[in-house]
């Protein structure tokens, strides 16, 4: 894989990057490391419910996808015909509403 070099750090750009870093570094706090043990802030039930909901949603989506893929030929034909009928009905309604 060939890396594309756009040339941003050539010439005077190093100068501006250095100035930017020197301006930003003093604004950072000295003590960015963690200060002791984590604090217990509340119940873990909400997090567990969040993950359980994501799992249930994933299972429902998987079930729906697998059920939809395993339709029989007659079910697919019924769906196609219903879609075509819907398009015809919408086009007829659009034509009738435009002529009034």
PDB file of N, CA and C in Angstrom:
ATOM      1  N   UNK A   1       0.848  -1.183   0.000  1.00  0.00           N
ATOM      2  CA  UNK A   1       0.000   0.000   0.000  1.00  0.00           C
ATOM      3  C   UNK A   1       0.888   1.238   0.000  1.00  0.00           C
ATOM      4  N   UNK A   2       0.668   2.105  -0.915  1.00  0.00           N
ATOM      5  CA  UNK A   2       1.483   3.299  -1.050  1.00  0.00           C
ATOM      6  C   UNK A   2       0.804   4.460  -0.335  1.00  0.00           C
ATOM      7  N   UNK A   3       1.548   5.104   0.548  1.00  0.00           N
ATOM      8  CA  UNK A   3       1.002   6.248   1.274  1.00  0.00           C
ATOM      9  C   UNK A   3       1.118   7.504   0.420  1.00  0.00           C
ATOM     10  N   UNK A   4       0.093   8.278   0.426  1.00  0.00           N
ATOM     11  CA  UNK A   4       0.081   9.519  -0.346  1.00  0.00           C
ATOM     12  C   UNK A   4       0.644  10.623   0.535  1.00  0.00           C
ATOM     13  N   UNK A   5       1.638  11.303   0.038  1.00  0.00           N
ATOM     14  CA  UNK A   5       2.250  12.385   0.797  1.00  0.00           C
ATOM     15  C   UNK A   5       1.777  13.699   0.199  1.00  0.00           C
ATOM     16  N   UNK A   6       0.986  14.425   0.977  1.00  0.00           N
ATOM     17  CA  UNK A   6       0.411  15.656   0.428  1.00  0.00           C
ATOM     18  C   UNK A   6       1.306  16.873   0.631  1.00  0.00           C
ATOM     19  N   UNK A   7       2.399  16.719   1.344  1.00  0.00           N
ATOM     20  CA  UNK A   7       3.335  17.812   1.467  1.00  0.00           C
ATOM     21  C   UNK A   7       2.936  18.889   2.458  1.00  0.00           C
ATOM     22  N   UNK A   8       2.063  18.583   3.419  1.00  0.00           N
ATOM     23  CA  UNK A   8       1.617  19.612   4.356  1.00  0.00           C
ATOM     24  C   UNK A   8       2.739  20.038   5.277  1.00  0.00           C
ATOM     25  N   UNK A   9       3.588  19.096   5.683  1.00  0.00           N
ATOM     26  CA  UNK A   9       4.666  19.424   6.614  1.00  0.00           C
ATOM     27  C   UNK A   9       5.957  19.743   5.872  1.00  0.00           C
ATOM     28  N   UNK A  10       5.861  20.509   4.851  1.00  0.00           N
ATOM     29  CA  UNK A  10       7.047  20.973   4.139  1.00  0.00           C
ATOM     30  C   UNK A  10       7.194  22.473   4.342  1.00  0.00           C
ATOM     31  N   UNK A  11       8.393  22.921   4.309  1.00  0.00           N
ATOM     32  CA  UNK A  11       8.663  24.361   4.345  1.00  0.00           C
ATOM     33  C   UNK A  11       8.191  25.039   5.613  1.00  0.00           C
ATOM     34  N   UNK A  12       7.419  26.104   5.460  1.00  0.00           N
ATOM     35  CA  UNK A  12       7.010  26.933   6.582  1.00  0.00           C
ATOM     36  C   UNK A  12       5.869  26.334   7.396  1.00  0.00           C
ATOM     37  N   UNK A  13       5.250  25.246   6.939  1.00  0.00           N
ATOM     38  CA  UNK A  13       4.172  24.633   7.707  1.00  0.00           C
ATOM     39  C   UNK A  13       4.668  24.069   9.030  1.00  0.00           C
ATOM     40  N   UNK A  14       5.920  23.618   9.081  1.00  0.00           N
ATOM     41  CA  UNK A  14       6.495  23.167  10.349  1.00  0.00           C
ATOM     42  C   UNK A  14       6.509  24.315  11.347  1.00  0.00           C
ATOM     43  N   UNK A  15       6.793  25.463  10.865  1.00  0.00           N
ATOM     44  CA  UNK A  15       6.842  26.655  11.716  1.00  0.00           C
ATOM     45  C   UNK A  15       5.478  26.900  12.356  1.00  0.00           C
ATOM     46  N   UNK A  16       4.419  26.877  11.550  1.00  0.00           N
ATOM     47  CA  UNK A  16       3.075  27.129  12.063  1.00  0.00           C
ATOM     48  C   UNK A  16       2.584  26.000  12.959  1.00  0.00           C
ATOM     49  N   UNK A  17       2.946  24.758  12.639  1.00  0.00           N
ATOM     50  CA  UNK A  17       2.552  23.632  13.483  1.00  0.00           C
ATOM     51  C   UNK A  17       3.216  23.726  14.844  1.00  0.00           C
ATOM     52  N   UNK A  18       4.478  24.133  14.877  1.00  0.00           N
ATOM     53  CA  UNK A  18       5.189  24.289  16.147  1.00  0.00           C
ATOM     54  C   UNK A  18       4.567  25.399  16.985  1.00  0.00           C
ATOM     55  N   UNK A  19       4.228  26.498  16.362  1.00  0.00           N
ATOM     56  CA  UNK A  19       3.581  27.599  17.085  1.00  0.00           C
ATOM     57  C   UNK A  19       2.229  27.147  17.637  1.00  0.00           C
ATOM     58  N   UNK A  20       1.476  26.422  16.849  1.00  0.00           N
ATOM     59  CA  UNK A  20       0.180  25.929  17.304  1.00  0.00           C
ATOM     60  C   UNK A  20       0.327  25.004  18.510  1.00  0.00           C
ATOM     61  N   UNK A  21       1.278  24.099  18.457  1.00  0.00           N
ATOM     62  CA  UNK A  21       1.504  23.182  19.586  1.00  0.00           C
ATOM     63  C   UNK A  21       1.941  23.963  20.817  1.00  0.00           C
ATOM     64  N   UNK A  22       2.806  24.927  20.658  1.00  0.00           N
ATOM     65  CA  UNK A  22       3.266  25.702  21.801  1.00  0.00           C
ATOM     66  C   UNK A  22       2.158  26.558  22.407  1.00  0.00           C
ATOM     67  N   UNK A  23       1.173  26.937  21.610  1.00  0.00           N
ATOM     68  CA  UNK A  23       0.042  27.690  22.135  1.00  0.00           C
ATOM     69  C   UNK A  23      -0.972  26.793  22.834  1.00  0.00           C
ATOM     70  N   UNK A  24      -1.117  25.561  22.367  1.00  0.00           N
ATOM     71  CA  UNK A  24      -2.122  24.658  22.926  1.00  0.00           C
ATOM     72  C   UNK A  24      -1.613  23.957  24.181  1.00  0.00           C
ATOM     73  N   UNK A  25      -0.349  23.602  24.238  1.00  0.00           N
ATOM     74  CA  UNK A  25       0.184  22.842  25.378  1.00  0.00           C
ATOM     75  C   UNK A  25      -0.022  23.521  26.732  1.00  0.00           C
ATOM     76  N   UNK A  26       0.185  24.820  26.876  1.00  0.00           N
ATOM     77  CA  UNK A  26      -0.032  25.426  28.200  1.00  0.00           C
ATOM     78  C   UNK A  26      -1.496  25.391  28.645  1.00  0.00           C
ATOM     79  N   UNK A  27      -2.419  25.247  27.734  1.00  0.00           N
ATOM     80  CA  UNK A  27      -3.830  25.221  28.099  1.00  0.00           C
ATOM     81  C   UNK A  27      -4.245  23.874  28.675  1.00  0.00           C
ATOM     82  N   UNK A  28      -3.456  22.818  28.450  1.00  0.00           N
ATOM     83  CA  UNK A  28      -3.792  21.498  28.970  1.00  0.00           C
ATOM     84  C   UNK A  28      -3.458  21.430  30.461  1.00  0.00           C
ATOM     85  N   UNK A  29      -4.281  20.745  31.251  1.00  0.00           N
ATOM     86  CA  UNK A  29      -3.993  20.629  32.682  1.00  0.00           C
ATOM     87  C   UNK A  29      -2.780  19.741  32.939  1.00  0.00           C
ATOM     88  N   UNK A  30      -2.149  19.943  34.091  1.00  0.00           N
ATOM     89  CA  UNK A  30      -0.960  19.180  34.446  1.00  0.00           C
ATOM     90  C   UNK A  30      -1.289  17.743  34.825  1.00  0.00           C
ATOM     91  N   UNK A  31      -2.439  17.548  35.425  1.00  0.00           N
ATOM     92  CA  UNK A  31      -2.767  16.237  36.000  1.00  0.00           C
ATOM     93  C   UNK A  31      -3.833  15.529  35.168  1.00  0.00           C
ATOM     94  N   UNK A  32      -3.464  15.061  34.010  1.00  0.00           N
ATOM     95  CA  UNK A  32      -4.416  14.375  33.164  1.00  0.00           C
ATOM     96  C   UNK A  32      -4.594  12.913  33.566  1.00  0.00           C
ATOM     97  N   UNK A  33      -3.721  12.387  34.429  1.00  0.00           N
ATOM     98  CA  UNK A  33      -3.823  10.999  34.867  1.00  0.00           C
ATOM     99  C   UNK A  33      -4.996  10.858  35.841  1.00  0.00           C
ATOM    100  N   UNK A  34      -5.511   9.636  35.950  1.00  0.00           N
ATOM    101  CA  UNK A  34      -6.623   9.364  36.861  1.00  0.00           C
ATOM    102  C   UNK A  34      -6.182   9.581  38.305  1.00  0.00           C
ATOM    103  N   UNK A  35      -7.074  10.081  39.107  1.00  0.00           N
ATOM    104  CA  UNK A  35      -6.765  10.397  40.498  1.00  0.00           C
ATOM    105  C   UNK A  35      -7.416   9.399  41.440  1.00  0.00           C
ATOM    106  N   UNK A  36      -6.944   8.190  41.493  1.00  0.00           N
ATOM    107  CA  UNK A  36      -7.477   7.213  42.432  1.00  0.00           C
ATOM    108  C   UNK A  36      -8.462   6.257  41.782  1.00  0.00           C
ATOM    109  N   UNK A  37      -9.165   5.533  42.651  1.00  0.00           N
ATOM    110  CA  UNK A  37     -10.108   4.526  42.198  1.00  0.00           C
ATOM    111  C   UNK A  37     -11.355   5.173  41.611  1.00  0.00           C
ATOM    112  N   UNK A  38     -12.012   4.469  40.678  1.00  0.00           N
ATOM    113  CA  UNK A  38     -13.253   5.019  40.127  1.00  0.00           C
ATOM    114  C   UNK A  38     -14.340   5.103  41.197  1.00  0.00           C
ATOM    115  N   UNK A  39     -15.207   6.056  41.043  1.00  0.00           N
ATOM    116  CA  UNK A  39     -16.276   6.294  42.008  1.00  0.00           C
ATOM    117  C   UNK A  39     -17.531   5.566  41.527  1.00  0.00           C
ATOM    118  N   UNK A  40     -18.211   4.904  42.456  1.00  0.00           N
ATOM    119  CA  UNK A  40     -19.477   4.243  42.139  1.00  0.00           C
ATOM    120  C   UNK A  40     -20.543   5.323  42.026  1.00  0.00           C
ATOM    121  N   UNK A  41     -21.101   5.490  40.821  1.00  0.00           N
ATOM    122  CA  UNK A  41     -22.011   6.610  40.609  1.00  0.00           C
ATOM    123  C   UNK A  41     -23.474   6.205  40.512  1.00  0.00           C
ATOM    124  N   UNK A  42     -23.767   4.927  40.456  1.00  0.00           N
ATOM    125  CA  UNK A  42     -25.167   4.551  40.369  1.00  0.00           C
ATOM    126  C   UNK A  42     -25.339   3.096  40.016  1.00  0.00           C
ATOM    127  N   UNK A  43     -26.557   2.746  39.719  1.00  0.00           N
ATOM    128  CA  UNK A  43     -26.909   1.373  39.424  1.00  0.00           C
ATOM    129  C   UNK A  43     -26.462   0.990  38.018  1.00  0.00           C
ATOM    130  N   UNK A  44     -26.158  -0.284  37.867  1.00  0.00           N
ATOM    131  CA  UNK A  44     -25.759  -0.794  36.554  1.00  0.00           C
ATOM    132  C   UNK A  44     -26.954  -1.365  35.796  1.00  0.00           C
ATOM    133  N   UNK A  45     -28.138  -1.244  36.352  1.00  0.00           N
ATOM    134  CA  UNK A  45     -29.333  -1.789  35.716  1.00  0.00           C
ATOM    135  C   UNK A  45     -29.598  -1.097  34.387  1.00  0.00           C
ATOM    136  N   UNK A  46     -29.457   0.210  34.327  1.00  0.00           N
ATOM    137  CA  UNK A  46     -29.734   0.926  33.082  1.00  0.00           C
ATOM    138  C   UNK A  46     -28.782   0.501  31.973  1.00  0.00           C
ATOM    139  N   UNK A  47     -27.525   0.258  32.316  1.00  0.00           N
ATOM    140  CA  UNK A  47     -26.560  -0.193  31.309  1.00  0.00           C
ATOM    141  C   UNK A  47     -26.915  -1.602  30.850  1.00  0.00           C
ATOM    142  N   UNK A  48     -27.307  -2.458  31.792  1.00  0.00           N
ATOM    143  CA  UNK A  48     -27.692  -3.822  31.443  1.00  0.00           C
ATOM    144  C   UNK A  48     -28.934  -3.813  30.543  1.00  0.00           C
ATOM    145  N   UNK A  49     -29.895  -2.937  30.842  1.00  0.00           N
ATOM    146  CA  UNK A  49     -31.092  -2.842  30.007  1.00  0.00           C
ATOM    147  C   UNK A  49     -30.752  -2.337  28.610  1.00  0.00           C
ATOM    148  N   UNK A  50     -29.817  -1.428  28.522  1.00  0.00           N
ATOM    149  CA  UNK A  50     -29.390  -0.913  27.226  1.00  0.00           C
ATOM    150  C   UNK A  50     -28.807  -2.027  26.375  1.00  0.00           C
ATOM    151  N   UNK A  51     -27.915  -2.814  26.963  1.00  0.00           N
ATOM    152  CA  UNK A  51     -27.313  -3.918  26.215  1.00  0.00           C
ATOM    153  C   UNK A  51     -28.345  -4.988  25.886  1.00  0.00           C
ATOM    154  N   UNK A  52     -29.249  -5.274  26.801  1.00  0.00           N
ATOM    155  CA  UNK A  52     -30.294  -6.265  26.541  1.00  0.00           C
ATOM    156  C   UNK A  52     -31.192  -5.791  25.396  1.00  0.00           C
ATOM    157  N   UNK A  53     -31.528  -4.520  25.378  1.00  0.00           N
ATOM    158  CA  UNK A  53     -32.337  -3.981  24.289  1.00  0.00           C
ATOM    159  C   UNK A  53     -31.631  -4.091  22.958  1.00  0.00           C
ATOM    160  N   UNK A  54     -30.324  -3.830  22.953  1.00  0.00           N
ATOM    161  CA  UNK A  54     -29.562  -3.949  21.698  1.00  0.00           C
ATOM    162  C   UNK A  54     -29.542  -5.398  21.220  1.00  0.00           C
ATOM    163  N   UNK A  55     -29.410  -6.344  22.152  1.00  0.00           N
ATOM    164  CA  UNK A  55     -29.402  -7.758  21.777  1.00  0.00           C
ATOM    165  C   UNK A  55     -30.773  -8.169  21.229  1.00  0.00           C
ATOM    166  N   UNK A  56     -31.844  -7.748  21.900  1.00  0.00           N
ATOM    167  CA  UNK A  56     -33.189  -8.086  21.434  1.00  0.00           C
ATOM    168  C   UNK A  56     -33.443  -7.477  20.059  1.00  0.00           C
ATOM    169  N   UNK A  57     -33.050  -6.237  19.858  1.00  0.00           N
ATOM    170  CA  UNK A  57     -33.221  -5.602  18.550  1.00  0.00           C
ATOM    171  C   UNK A  57     -32.453  -6.360  17.468  1.00  0.00           C
ATOM    172  N   UNK A  58     -31.234  -6.769  17.775  1.00  0.00           N
ATOM    173  CA  UNK A  58     -30.450  -7.545  16.817  1.00  0.00           C
ATOM    174  C   UNK A  58     -31.100  -8.871  16.477  1.00  0.00           C
ATOM    175  N   UNK A  59     -31.650  -9.545  17.494  1.00  0.00           N
ATOM    176  CA  UNK A  59     -32.328 -10.815  17.245  1.00  0.00           C
ATOM    177  C   UNK A  59     -33.579 -10.627  16.394  1.00  0.00           C
ATOM    178  N   UNK A  60     -34.341  -9.580  16.665  1.00  0.00           N
ATOM    179  CA  UNK A  60     -35.557  -9.310  15.888  1.00  0.00           C
ATOM    180  C   UNK A  60     -35.197  -8.992  14.437  1.00  0.00           C
ATOM    181  N   UNK A  61     -34.166  -8.183  14.223  1.00  0.00           N
ATOM    182  CA  UNK A  61     -33.742  -7.871  12.854  1.00  0.00           C
ATOM    183  C   UNK A  61     -33.263  -9.120  12.126  1.00  0.00           C
ATOM    184  N   UNK A  62     -32.506  -9.958  12.811  1.00  0.00           N
ATOM    185  CA  UNK A  62     -32.026 -11.200  12.202  1.00  0.00           C
ATOM    186  C   UNK A  62     -33.186 -12.108  11.834  1.00  0.00           C
ATOM    187  N   UNK A  63     -34.158 -12.228  12.727  1.00  0.00           N
ATOM    188  CA  UNK A  63     -35.339 -13.047  12.450  1.00  0.00           C
ATOM    189  C   UNK A  63     -36.104 -12.504  11.242  1.00  0.00           C
ATOM    190  N   UNK A  64     -36.299 -11.206  11.198  1.00  0.00           N
ATOM    191  CA  UNK A  64     -37.028 -10.614  10.079  1.00  0.00           C
ATOM    192  C   UNK A  64     -36.314 -10.803   8.758  1.00  0.00           C
ATOM    193  N   UNK A  65     -35.000 -10.644   8.760  1.00  0.00           N
ATOM    194  CA  UNK A  65     -34.236 -10.804   7.522  1.00  0.00           C
ATOM    195  C   UNK A  65     -34.282 -12.247   7.045  1.00  0.00           C
ATOM    196  N   UNK A  66     -34.078 -13.187   7.968  1.00  0.00           N
ATOM    197  CA  UNK A  66     -34.088 -14.593   7.554  1.00  0.00           C
ATOM    198  C   UNK A  66     -35.481 -15.026   7.118  1.00  0.00           C
ATOM    199  N   UNK A  67     -36.514 -14.525   7.753  1.00  0.00           N
ATOM    200  CA  UNK A  67     -37.884 -14.886   7.364  1.00  0.00           C
ATOM    201  C   UNK A  67     -38.216 -14.295   5.992  1.00  0.00           C
ATOM    202  N   UNK A  68     -37.767 -13.092   5.734  1.00  0.00           N
ATOM    203  CA  UNK A  68     -38.057 -12.452   4.459  1.00  0.00           C
ATOM    204  C   UNK A  68     -37.292 -13.125   3.320  1.00  0.00           C
ATOM    205  N   UNK A  69     -36.119 -13.619   3.593  1.00  0.00           N
ATOM    206  CA  UNK A  69     -35.332 -14.267   2.544  1.00  0.00           C
ATOM    207  C   UNK A  69     -35.863 -15.647   2.198  1.00  0.00           C
ATOM    208  N   UNK A  70     -36.592 -16.242   3.099  1.00  0.00           N
ATOM    209  CA  UNK A  70     -37.058 -17.607   2.845  1.00  0.00           C
ATOM    210  C   UNK A  70     -38.502 -17.639   2.357  1.00  0.00           C
ATOM    211  N   UNK A  71     -38.950 -16.592   1.699  1.00  0.00           N
ATOM    212  CA  UNK A  71     -40.308 -16.587   1.161  1.00  0.00           C
ATOM    213  C   UNK A  71     -40.401 -17.547  -0.022  1.00  0.00           C
ATOM    214  N   UNK A  72     -41.568 -18.112  -0.187  1.00  0.00           N
ATOM    215  CA  UNK A  72     -41.783 -19.006  -1.318  1.00  0.00           C
ATOM    216  C   UNK A  72     -42.022 -18.175  -2.580  1.00  0.00           C
ATOM    217  N   UNK A  73     -42.018 -18.858  -3.712  1.00  0.00           N
ATOM    218  CA  UNK A  73     -42.213 -18.175  -4.992  1.00  0.00           C
ATOM    219  C   UNK A  73     -43.604 -17.528  -5.060  1.00  0.00           C
ATOM    220  N   UNK A  74     -44.613 -18.230  -4.538  1.00  0.00           N
ATOM    221  CA  UNK A  74     -45.968 -17.673  -4.587  1.00  0.00           C
ATOM    222  C   UNK A  74     -46.081 -16.437  -3.692  1.00  0.00           C
ATOM    223  N   UNK A  75     -45.409 -16.452  -2.541  1.00  0.00           N
ATOM    224  CA  UNK A  75     -45.431 -15.268  -1.672  1.00  0.00           C
ATOM    225  C   UNK A  75     -44.745 -14.088  -2.345  1.00  0.00           C
ATOM    226  N   UNK A  76     -43.659 -14.341  -3.047  1.00  0.00           N
ATOM    227  CA  UNK A  76     -42.970 -13.266  -3.772  1.00  0.00           C
ATOM    228  C   UNK A  76     -43.853 -12.709  -4.886  1.00  0.00           C
ATOM    229  N   UNK A  77     -44.568 -13.583  -5.597  1.00  0.00           N
ATOM    230  CA  UNK A  77     -45.453 -13.127  -6.672  1.00  0.00           C
ATOM    231  C   UNK A  77     -46.607 -12.300  -6.119  1.00  0.00           C
ATOM    232  N   UNK A  78     -47.156 -12.716  -4.982  1.00  0.00           N
ATOM    233  CA  UNK A  78     -48.238 -11.954  -4.352  1.00  0.00           C
ATOM    234  C   UNK A  78     -47.752 -10.567  -3.963  1.00  0.00           C
ATOM    235  N   UNK A  79     -46.556 -10.504  -3.397  1.00  0.00           N
ATOM    236  CA  UNK A  79     -45.979  -9.212  -2.997  1.00  0.00           C
ATOM    237  C   UNK A  79     -45.759  -8.324  -4.215  1.00  0.00           C
ATOM    238  N   UNK A  80     -45.203  -8.894  -5.282  1.00  0.00           N
ATOM    239  CA  UNK A  80     -44.957  -8.118  -6.494  1.00  0.00           C
ATOM    240  C   UNK A  80     -46.260  -7.600  -7.096  1.00  0.00           C
ATOM    241  N   UNK A  81     -47.281  -8.437  -7.136  1.00  0.00           N
ATOM    242  CA  UNK A  81     -48.558  -8.025  -7.707  1.00  0.00           C
ATOM    243  C   UNK A  81     -49.208  -6.938  -6.862  1.00  0.00           C
ATOM    244  N   UNK A  82     -49.121  -7.064  -5.539  1.00  0.00           N
ATOM    245  CA  UNK A  82     -49.686  -6.037  -4.659  1.00  0.00           C
ATOM    246  C   UNK A  82     -48.963  -4.710  -4.849  1.00  0.00           C
ATOM    247  N   UNK A  83     -47.642  -4.756  -5.034  1.00  0.00           N
ATOM    248  CA  UNK A  83     -46.883  -3.528  -5.270  1.00  0.00           C
ATOM    249  C   UNK A  83     -47.286  -2.884  -6.591  1.00  0.00           C
ATOM    250  N   UNK A  84     -47.425  -3.687  -7.636  1.00  0.00           N
ATOM    251  CA  UNK A  84     -47.837  -3.147  -8.941  1.00  0.00           C
ATOM    252  C   UNK A  84     -49.239  -2.549  -8.856  1.00  0.00           C
ATOM    253  N   UNK A  85     -50.151  -3.230  -8.146  1.00  0.00           N
ATOM    254  CA  UNK A  85     -51.507  -2.706  -7.979  1.00  0.00           C
ATOM    255  C   UNK A  85     -51.499  -1.371  -7.241  1.00  0.00           C
ATOM    256  N   UNK A  86     -50.650  -1.267  -6.236  1.00  0.00           N
ATOM    257  CA  UNK A  86     -50.546  -0.018  -5.481  1.00  0.00           C
ATOM    258  C   UNK A  86     -50.041   1.112  -6.374  1.00  0.00           C
ATOM    259  N   UNK A  87     -49.040   0.824  -7.203  1.00  0.00           N
ATOM    260  CA  UNK A  87     -48.527   1.849  -8.115  1.00  0.00           C
ATOM    261  C   UNK A  87     -49.595   2.285  -9.105  1.00  0.00           C
ATOM    262  N   UNK A  88     -50.359   1.342  -9.627  1.00  0.00           N
ATOM    263  CA  UNK A  88     -51.416   1.672 -10.586  1.00  0.00           C
ATOM    264  C   UNK A  88     -52.468   2.542  -9.906  1.00  0.00           C
ATOM    265  N   UNK A  89     -52.863   2.175  -8.686  1.00  0.00           N
ATOM    266  CA  UNK A  89     -53.883   2.940  -7.968  1.00  0.00           C
ATOM    267  C   UNK A  89     -53.388   4.359  -7.675  1.00  0.00           C
ATOM    268  N   UNK A  90     -52.113   4.491  -7.234  1.00  0.00           N
ATOM    269  CA  UNK A  90     -51.573   5.825  -6.958  1.00  0.00           C
ATOM    270  C   UNK A  90     -51.497   6.669  -8.227  1.00  0.00           C
ATOM    271  N   UNK A  91     -51.102   6.056  -9.325  1.00  0.00           N
ATOM    272  CA  UNK A  91     -51.005   6.795 -10.588  1.00  0.00           C
ATOM    273  C   UNK A  91     -52.395   7.241 -11.049  1.00  0.00           C
ATOM    274  N   UNK A  92     -53.396   6.383 -10.874  1.00  0.00           N
ATOM    275  CA  UNK A  92     -54.768   6.727 -11.239  1.00  0.00           C
ATOM    276  C   UNK A  92     -55.271   7.884 -10.387  1.00  0.00           C
ATOM    277  N   UNK A  93     -54.998   7.836  -9.076  1.00  0.00           N
ATOM    278  CA  UNK A  93     -55.426   8.919  -8.186  1.00  0.00           C
ATOM    279  C   UNK A  93     -54.712  10.220  -8.532  1.00  0.00           C
ATOM    280  N   UNK A  94     -53.440  10.127  -8.896  1.00  0.00           N
ATOM    281  CA  UNK A  94     -52.685  11.330  -9.269  1.00  0.00           C
ATOM    282  C   UNK A  94     -53.250  11.933 -10.557  1.00  0.00           C
ATOM    283  N   UNK A  95     -53.591  11.078 -11.505  1.00  0.00           N
ATOM    284  CA  UNK A  95     -54.159  11.564 -12.768  1.00  0.00           C
ATOM    285  C   UNK A  95     -55.533  12.185 -12.541  1.00  0.00           C
ATOM    286  N   UNK A  96     -56.352  11.592 -11.698  1.00  0.00           N
ATOM    287  CA  UNK A  96     -57.685  12.131 -11.411  1.00  0.00           C
ATOM    288  C   UNK A  96     -57.596  13.450 -10.661  1.00  0.00           C
ATOM    289  N   UNK A  97     -56.656  13.574  -9.737  1.00  0.00           N
ATOM    290  CA  UNK A  97     -56.558  14.826  -8.985  1.00  0.00           C
ATOM    291  C   UNK A  97     -55.992  15.959  -9.840  1.00  0.00           C
ATOM    292  N   UNK A  98     -55.188  15.629 -10.850  1.00  0.00           N
ATOM    293  CA  UNK A  98     -54.620  16.659 -11.710  1.00  0.00           C
ATOM    294  C   UNK A  98     -55.583  17.187 -12.744  1.00  0.00           C
ATOM    295  N   UNK A  99     -56.616  16.404 -13.119  1.00  0.00           N
ATOM    296  CA  UNK A  99     -57.542  16.834 -14.147  1.00  0.00           C
ATOM    297  C   UNK A  99     -58.675  17.675 -13.596  1.00  0.00           C
ATOM    298  N   UNK A 100     -58.852  17.699 -12.292  1.00  0.00           N
ATOM    299  CA  UNK A 100     -59.962  18.469 -11.705  1.00  0.00           C
ATOM    300  C   UNK A 100     -59.672  19.926 -11.589  1.00  0.00           C
TER     301      UNK A 100
END
